[in-house]
Amino acid sequence: MNTDIPLSISMALTDLSRQMLEQGQTQADTLVCAKGCLYRASMTLEPVTEENLQDVINEYLPEKSS
């Protein structure tokens, strides 16, 4: 999983997620134009259970050096 994204992208995804959930949506597929090119864009929101929360958080933490 690529977790090395700028904070601005993370914040934009958080805002998009909030808007999707307010609309009752957990998946979005669309065509977007960026820098003069067309791209397919998809986003899927998957709930994280309490039991899996620590594992998911650990995936986002930088690896500890030995």
PDB file of N, CA and C in Angstrom:
ATOM      1  N   MET A   1       0.847  -1.173   0.000  1.00  0.00           N
ATOM      2  CA  MET A   1       0.000   0.000   0.000  1.00  0.00           C
ATOM      3  C   MET A   1       0.894   1.238   0.000  1.00  0.00           C
ATOM      4  N   ASN A   2       0.602   2.168  -0.907  1.00  0.00           N
ATOM      5  CA  ASN A   2       1.373   3.406  -0.959  1.00  0.00           C
ATOM      6  C   ASN A   2       0.801   4.392   0.047  1.00  0.00           C
ATOM      7  N   THR A   3       1.527   4.614   1.115  1.00  0.00           N
ATOM      8  CA  THR A   3       1.069   5.554   2.137  1.00  0.00           C
ATOM      9  C   THR A   3       1.916   6.815   2.146  1.00  0.00           C
ATOM     10  N   ASP A   4       2.815   6.937   1.187  1.00  0.00           N
ATOM     11  CA  ASP A   4       3.703   8.093   1.115  1.00  0.00           C
ATOM     12  C   ASP A   4       3.096   9.146   0.194  1.00  0.00           C
ATOM     13  N   ILE A   5       2.007   9.781   0.650  1.00  0.00           N
ATOM     14  CA  ILE A   5       1.353  10.814  -0.143  1.00  0.00           C
ATOM     15  C   ILE A   5       1.400  12.126   0.629  1.00  0.00           C
ATOM     16  N   PRO A   6       1.378  13.230  -0.084  1.00  0.00           N
ATOM     17  CA  PRO A   6       1.393  14.532   0.589  1.00  0.00           C
ATOM     18  C   PRO A   6       0.153  14.723   1.462  1.00  0.00           C
ATOM     19  N   LEU A   7       0.311  15.511   2.498  1.00  0.00           N
ATOM     20  CA  LEU A   7      -0.795  15.800   3.409  1.00  0.00           C
ATOM     21  C   LEU A   7      -1.970  16.412   2.654  1.00  0.00           C
ATOM     22  N   SER A   8      -1.705  17.238   1.654  1.00  0.00           N
ATOM     23  CA  SER A   8      -2.796  17.879   0.902  1.00  0.00           C
ATOM     24  C   SER A   8      -3.676  16.839   0.211  1.00  0.00           C
ATOM     25  N   ILE A   9      -3.089  15.763  -0.303  1.00  0.00           N
ATOM     26  CA  ILE A   9      -3.879  14.707  -0.938  1.00  0.00           C
ATOM     27  C   ILE A   9      -4.674  13.950   0.111  1.00  0.00           C
ATOM     28  N   SER A  10      -4.051  13.669   1.244  1.00  0.00           N
ATOM     29  CA  SER A  10      -4.754  12.979   2.322  1.00  0.00           C
ATOM     30  C   SER A  10      -5.953  13.801   2.787  1.00  0.00           C
ATOM     31  N   MET A  11      -5.766  15.111   2.901  1.00  0.00           N
ATOM     32  CA  MET A  11      -6.859  15.983   3.330  1.00  0.00           C
ATOM     33  C   MET A  11      -7.971  16.013   2.277  1.00  0.00           C
ATOM     34  N   ALA A  12      -7.604  16.047   0.993  1.00  0.00           N
ATOM     35  CA  ALA A  12      -8.608  16.052  -0.078  1.00  0.00           C
ATOM     36  C   ALA A  12      -9.387  14.739  -0.085  1.00  0.00           C
ATOM     37  N   LEU A  13      -8.694  13.616   0.131  1.00  0.00           N
ATOM     38  CA  LEU A  13      -9.376  12.321   0.181  1.00  0.00           C
ATOM     39  C   LEU A  13     -10.307  12.235   1.383  1.00  0.00           C
ATOM     40  N   THR A  14      -9.903  12.820   2.501  1.00  0.00           N
ATOM     41  CA  THR A  14     -10.754  12.846   3.687  1.00  0.00           C
ATOM     42  C   THR A  14     -12.026  13.635   3.399  1.00  0.00           C
ATOM     43  N   ASP A  15     -11.880  14.796   2.738  1.00  0.00           N
ATOM     44  CA  ASP A  15     -13.048  15.616   2.398  1.00  0.00           C
ATOM     45  C   ASP A  15     -13.954  14.877   1.413  1.00  0.00           C
ATOM     46  N   LEU A  16     -13.361  14.243   0.410  1.00  0.00           N
ATOM     47  CA  LEU A  16     -14.140  13.472  -0.549  1.00  0.00           C
ATOM     48  C   LEU A  16     -14.878  12.327   0.143  1.00  0.00           C
ATOM     49  N   SER A  17     -14.201  11.651   1.060  1.00  0.00           N
ATOM     50  CA  SER A  17     -14.822  10.541   1.801  1.00  0.00           C
ATOM     51  C   SER A  17     -16.025  11.031   2.587  1.00  0.00           C
ATOM     52  N   ARG A  18     -15.877  12.171   3.255  1.00  0.00           N
ATOM     53  CA  ARG A  18     -16.990  12.731   4.031  1.00  0.00           C
ATOM     54  C   ARG A  18     -18.173  13.024   3.119  1.00  0.00           C
ATOM     55  N   GLN A  19     -17.895  13.639   1.961  1.00  0.00           N
ATOM     56  CA  GLN A  19     -18.969  13.962   1.023  1.00  0.00           C
ATOM     57  C   GLN A  19     -19.644  12.706   0.485  1.00  0.00           C
ATOM     58  N   MET A  20     -18.855  11.689   0.177  1.00  0.00           N
ATOM     59  CA  MET A  20     -19.427  10.433  -0.319  1.00  0.00           C
ATOM     60  C   MET A  20     -20.335   9.806   0.727  1.00  0.00           C
ATOM     61  N   LEU A  21     -19.870   9.751   1.967  1.00  0.00           N
ATOM     62  CA  LEU A  21     -20.670   9.132   3.030  1.00  0.00           C
ATOM     63  C   LEU A  21     -21.943   9.921   3.302  1.00  0.00           C
ATOM     64  N   GLU A  22     -21.866  11.258   3.197  1.00  0.00           N
ATOM     65  CA  GLU A  22     -23.062  12.076   3.369  1.00  0.00           C
ATOM     66  C   GLU A  22     -24.097  11.774   2.286  1.00  0.00           C
ATOM     67  N   GLN A  23     -23.636  11.327   1.118  1.00  0.00           N
ATOM     68  CA  GLN A  23     -24.524  10.964   0.013  1.00  0.00           C
ATOM     69  C   GLN A  23     -24.909   9.483   0.057  1.00  0.00           C
ATOM     70  N   GLY A  24     -24.410   8.766   1.070  1.00  0.00           N
ATOM     71  CA  GLY A  24     -24.714   7.351   1.197  1.00  0.00           C
ATOM     72  C   GLY A  24     -23.928   6.483   0.228  1.00  0.00           C
ATOM     73  N   GLN A  25     -22.812   6.980  -0.259  1.00  0.00           N
ATOM     74  CA  GLN A  25     -21.998   6.255  -1.229  1.00  0.00           C
ATOM     75  C   GLN A  25     -20.707   5.752  -0.589  1.00  0.00           C
ATOM     76  N   THR A  26     -20.279   4.567  -0.985  1.00  0.00           N
ATOM     77  CA  THR A  26     -18.976   4.056  -0.537  1.00  0.00           C
ATOM     78  C   THR A  26     -18.060   3.760  -1.717  1.00  0.00           C
ATOM     79  N   GLN A  27     -18.546   4.036  -2.942  1.00  0.00           N
ATOM     80  CA  GLN A  27     -17.720   3.832  -4.125  1.00  0.00           C
ATOM     81  C   GLN A  27     -18.032   4.920  -5.145  1.00  0.00           C
ATOM     82  N   ALA A  28     -16.961   5.405  -5.796  1.00  0.00           N
ATOM     83  CA  ALA A  28     -17.129   6.405  -6.852  1.00  0.00           C
ATOM     84  C   ALA A  28     -16.206   6.047  -8.005  1.00  0.00           C
ATOM     85  N   ASP A  29     -16.753   6.080  -9.211  1.00  0.00           N
ATOM     86  CA  ASP A  29     -15.989   5.863 -10.432  1.00  0.00           C
ATOM     87  C   ASP A  29     -16.331   7.006 -11.374  1.00  0.00           C
ATOM     88  N   THR A  30     -15.310   7.632 -11.941  1.00  0.00           N
ATOM     89  CA  THR A  30     -15.567   8.762 -12.820  1.00  0.00           C
ATOM     90  C   THR A  30     -14.411   8.958 -13.783  1.00  0.00           C
ATOM     91  N   LEU A  31     -14.599   9.863 -14.710  1.00  0.00           N
ATOM     92  CA  LEU A  31     -13.568  10.252 -15.658  1.00  0.00           C
ATOM     93  C   LEU A  31     -13.166  11.673 -15.303  1.00  0.00           C
ATOM     94  N   VAL A  32     -11.877  11.915 -15.146  1.00  0.00           N
ATOM     95  CA  VAL A  32     -11.407  13.254 -14.787  1.00  0.00           C
ATOM     96  C   VAL A  32     -10.372  13.727 -15.796  1.00  0.00           C
ATOM     97  N   CYS A  33     -10.272  15.028 -15.934  1.00  0.00           N
ATOM     98  CA  CYS A  33      -9.264  15.633 -16.798  1.00  0.00           C
ATOM     99  C   CYS A  33      -8.248  16.330 -15.895  1.00  0.00           C
ATOM    100  N   ALA A  34      -6.988  15.982 -16.062  1.00  0.00           N
ATOM    101  CA  ALA A  34      -5.924  16.601 -15.274  1.00  0.00           C
ATOM    102  C   ALA A  34      -4.696  16.770 -16.165  1.00  0.00           C
ATOM    103  N   LYS A  35      -4.159  17.963 -16.172  1.00  0.00           N
ATOM    104  CA  LYS A  35      -2.971  18.274 -16.968  1.00  0.00           C
ATOM    105  C   LYS A  35      -3.161  17.891 -18.441  1.00  0.00           C
ATOM    106  N   GLY A  36      -4.361  18.123 -18.946  1.00  0.00           N
ATOM    107  CA  GLY A  36      -4.644  17.896 -20.347  1.00  0.00           C
ATOM    108  C   GLY A  36      -4.889  16.450 -20.752  1.00  0.00           C
ATOM    109  N   CYS A  37      -4.961  15.547 -19.802  1.00  0.00           N
ATOM    110  CA  CYS A  37      -5.205  14.130 -20.096  1.00  0.00           C
ATOM    111  C   CYS A  37      -6.443  13.658 -19.349  1.00  0.00           C
ATOM    112  N   LEU A  38      -7.087  12.640 -19.913  1.00  0.00           N
ATOM    113  CA  LEU A  38      -8.236  12.033 -19.242  1.00  0.00           C
ATOM    114  C   LEU A  38      -7.781  10.808 -18.466  1.00  0.00           C
ATOM    115  N   TYR A  39      -8.337  10.647 -17.272  1.00  0.00           N
ATOM    116  CA  TYR A  39      -7.994   9.528 -16.391  1.00  0.00           C
ATOM    117  C   TYR A  39      -9.272   8.917 -15.840  1.00  0.00           C
ATOM    118  N   ARG A  40      -9.248   7.606 -15.668  1.00  0.00           N
ATOM    119  CA  ARG A  40     -10.302   6.940 -14.905  1.00  0.00           C
ATOM    120  C   ARG A  40      -9.921   7.080 -13.443  1.00  0.00           C
ATOM    121  N   ALA A  41     -10.874   7.449 -12.633  1.00  0.00           N
ATOM    122  CA  ALA A  41     -10.613   7.607 -11.199  1.00  0.00           C
ATOM    123  C   ALA A  41     -11.633   6.776 -10.431  1.00  0.00           C
ATOM    124  N   SER A  42     -11.147   6.037  -9.447  1.00  0.00           N
ATOM    125  CA  SER A  42     -12.014   5.207  -8.610  1.00  0.00           C
ATOM    126  C   SER A  42     -11.647   5.407  -7.147  1.00  0.00           C
ATOM    127  N   MET A  43     -12.653   5.360  -6.315  1.00  0.00           N
ATOM    128  CA  MET A  43     -12.421   5.423  -4.876  1.00  0.00           C
ATOM    129  C   MET A  43     -13.419   4.506  -4.202  1.00  0.00           C
ATOM    130  N   THR A  44     -12.912   3.686  -3.303  1.00  0.00           N
ATOM    131  CA  THR A  44     -13.753   2.778  -2.538  1.00  0.00           C
ATOM    132  C   THR A  44     -13.467   2.987  -1.058  1.00  0.00           C
ATOM    133  N   LEU A  45     -14.501   3.151  -0.283  1.00  0.00           N
ATOM    134  CA  LEU A  45     -14.362   3.298   1.163  1.00  0.00           C
ATOM    135  C   LEU A  45     -14.672   1.955   1.805  1.00  0.00           C
ATOM    136  N   GLU A  46     -13.736   1.453   2.586  1.00  0.00           N
ATOM    137  CA  GLU A  46     -13.902   0.176   3.263  1.00  0.00           C
ATOM    138  C   GLU A  46     -13.805   0.412   4.766  1.00  0.00           C
ATOM    139  N   PRO A  47     -14.864   0.120   5.511  1.00  0.00           N
ATOM    140  CA  PRO A  47     -14.818   0.321   6.956  1.00  0.00           C
ATOM    141  C   PRO A  47     -13.723  -0.536   7.597  1.00  0.00           C
ATOM    142  N   VAL A  48     -13.140  -0.008   8.647  1.00  0.00           N
ATOM    143  CA  VAL A  48     -12.127  -0.729   9.427  1.00  0.00           C
ATOM    144  C   VAL A  48     -12.780  -1.113  10.745  1.00  0.00           C
ATOM    145  N   THR A  49     -12.770  -2.401  11.054  1.00  0.00           N
ATOM    146  CA  THR A  49     -13.367  -2.846  12.315  1.00  0.00           C
ATOM    147  C   THR A  49     -12.438  -2.511  13.475  1.00  0.00           C
ATOM    148  N   GLU A  50     -13.014  -2.444  14.642  1.00  0.00           N
ATOM    149  CA  GLU A  50     -12.229  -2.155  15.841  1.00  0.00           C
ATOM    150  C   GLU A  50     -11.129  -3.201  16.037  1.00  0.00           C
ATOM    151  N   GLU A  51     -11.449  -4.451  15.709  1.00  0.00           N
ATOM    152  CA  GLU A  51     -10.465  -5.529  15.872  1.00  0.00           C
ATOM    153  C   GLU A  51      -9.258  -5.352  14.948  1.00  0.00           C
ATOM    154  N   ASN A  52      -9.465  -4.733  13.776  1.00  0.00           N
ATOM    155  CA  ASN A  52      -8.386  -4.566  12.797  1.00  0.00           C
ATOM    156  C   ASN A  52      -7.735  -3.188  12.836  1.00  0.00           C
ATOM    157  N   LEU A  53      -8.231  -2.309  13.674  1.00  0.00           N
ATOM    158  CA  LEU A  53      -7.765  -0.929  13.682  1.00  0.00           C
ATOM    159  C   LEU A  53      -6.258  -0.815  13.904  1.00  0.00           C
ATOM    160  N   GLN A  54      -5.719  -1.501  14.884  1.00  0.00           N
ATOM    161  CA  GLN A  54      -4.291  -1.390  15.177  1.00  0.00           C
ATOM    162  C   GLN A  54      -3.446  -1.880  14.003  1.00  0.00           C
ATOM    163  N   ASP A  55      -3.849  -2.968  13.379  1.00  0.00           N
ATOM    164  CA  ASP A  55      -3.110  -3.481  12.218  1.00  0.00           C
ATOM    165  C   ASP A  55      -3.120  -2.474  11.073  1.00  0.00           C
ATOM    166  N   VAL A  56      -4.268  -1.855  10.838  1.00  0.00           N
ATOM    167  CA  VAL A  56      -4.369  -0.872   9.759  1.00  0.00           C
ATOM    168  C   VAL A  56      -3.516   0.354  10.085  1.00  0.00           C
ATOM    169  N   ILE A  57      -3.552   0.816  11.314  1.00  0.00           N
ATOM    170  CA  ILE A  57      -2.719   1.954  11.720  1.00  0.00           C
ATOM    171  C   ILE A  57      -1.258   1.615  11.530  1.00  0.00           C
ATOM    172  N   ASN A  58      -0.855   0.418  11.911  1.00  0.00           N
ATOM    173  CA  ASN A  58       0.547   0.010  11.770  1.00  0.00           C
ATOM    174  C   ASN A  58       0.998   0.024  10.311  1.00  0.00           C
ATOM    175  N   GLU A  59       0.088  -0.253   9.382  1.00  0.00           N
ATOM    176  CA  GLU A  59       0.429  -0.208   7.957  1.00  0.00           C
ATOM    177  C   GLU A  59       0.833   1.200   7.528  1.00  0.00           C
ATOM    178  N   TYR A  60       0.315   2.203   8.199  1.00  0.00           N
ATOM    179  CA  TYR A  60       0.572   3.598   7.825  1.00  0.00           C
ATOM    180  C   TYR A  60       1.764   4.203   8.540  1.00  0.00           C
ATOM    181  N   LEU A  61       2.250   3.538   9.582  1.00  0.00           N
ATOM    182  CA  LEU A  61       3.394   4.060  10.324  1.00  0.00           C
ATOM    183  C   LEU A  61       4.679   3.725   9.582  1.00  0.00           C
ATOM    184  N   PRO A  62       5.648   4.652   9.588  1.00  0.00           N
ATOM    185  CA  PRO A  62       6.934   4.329   8.949  1.00  0.00           C
ATOM    186  C   PRO A  62       7.605   3.158   9.665  1.00  0.00           C
ATOM    187  N   GLU A  63       8.308   2.342   8.884  1.00  0.00           N
ATOM    188  CA  GLU A  63       9.003   1.212   9.482  1.00  0.00           C
ATOM    189  C   GLU A  63      10.116   1.719  10.392  1.00  0.00           C
ATOM    190  N   LYS A  64      10.278   1.039  11.524  1.00  0.00           N
ATOM    191  CA  LYS A  64      11.326   1.400  12.466  1.00  0.00           C
ATOM    192  C   LYS A  64      12.658   0.853  11.978  1.00  0.00           C
ATOM    193  N   SER A  65      13.684   1.679  12.068  1.00  0.00           N
ATOM    194  CA  SER A  65      15.020   1.222  11.690  1.00  0.00           C
ATOM    195  C   SER A  65      15.602   0.380  12.805  1.00  0.00           C
ATOM    196  N   SER A  66      16.410  -0.609  12.441  1.00  0.00           N
ATOM    197  CA  SER A  66      17.032  -1.472  13.452  1.00  0.00           C
ATOM    198  C   SER A  66      18.176  -0.781  14.110  1.00  0.00           C
TER     199      SER A  66
END
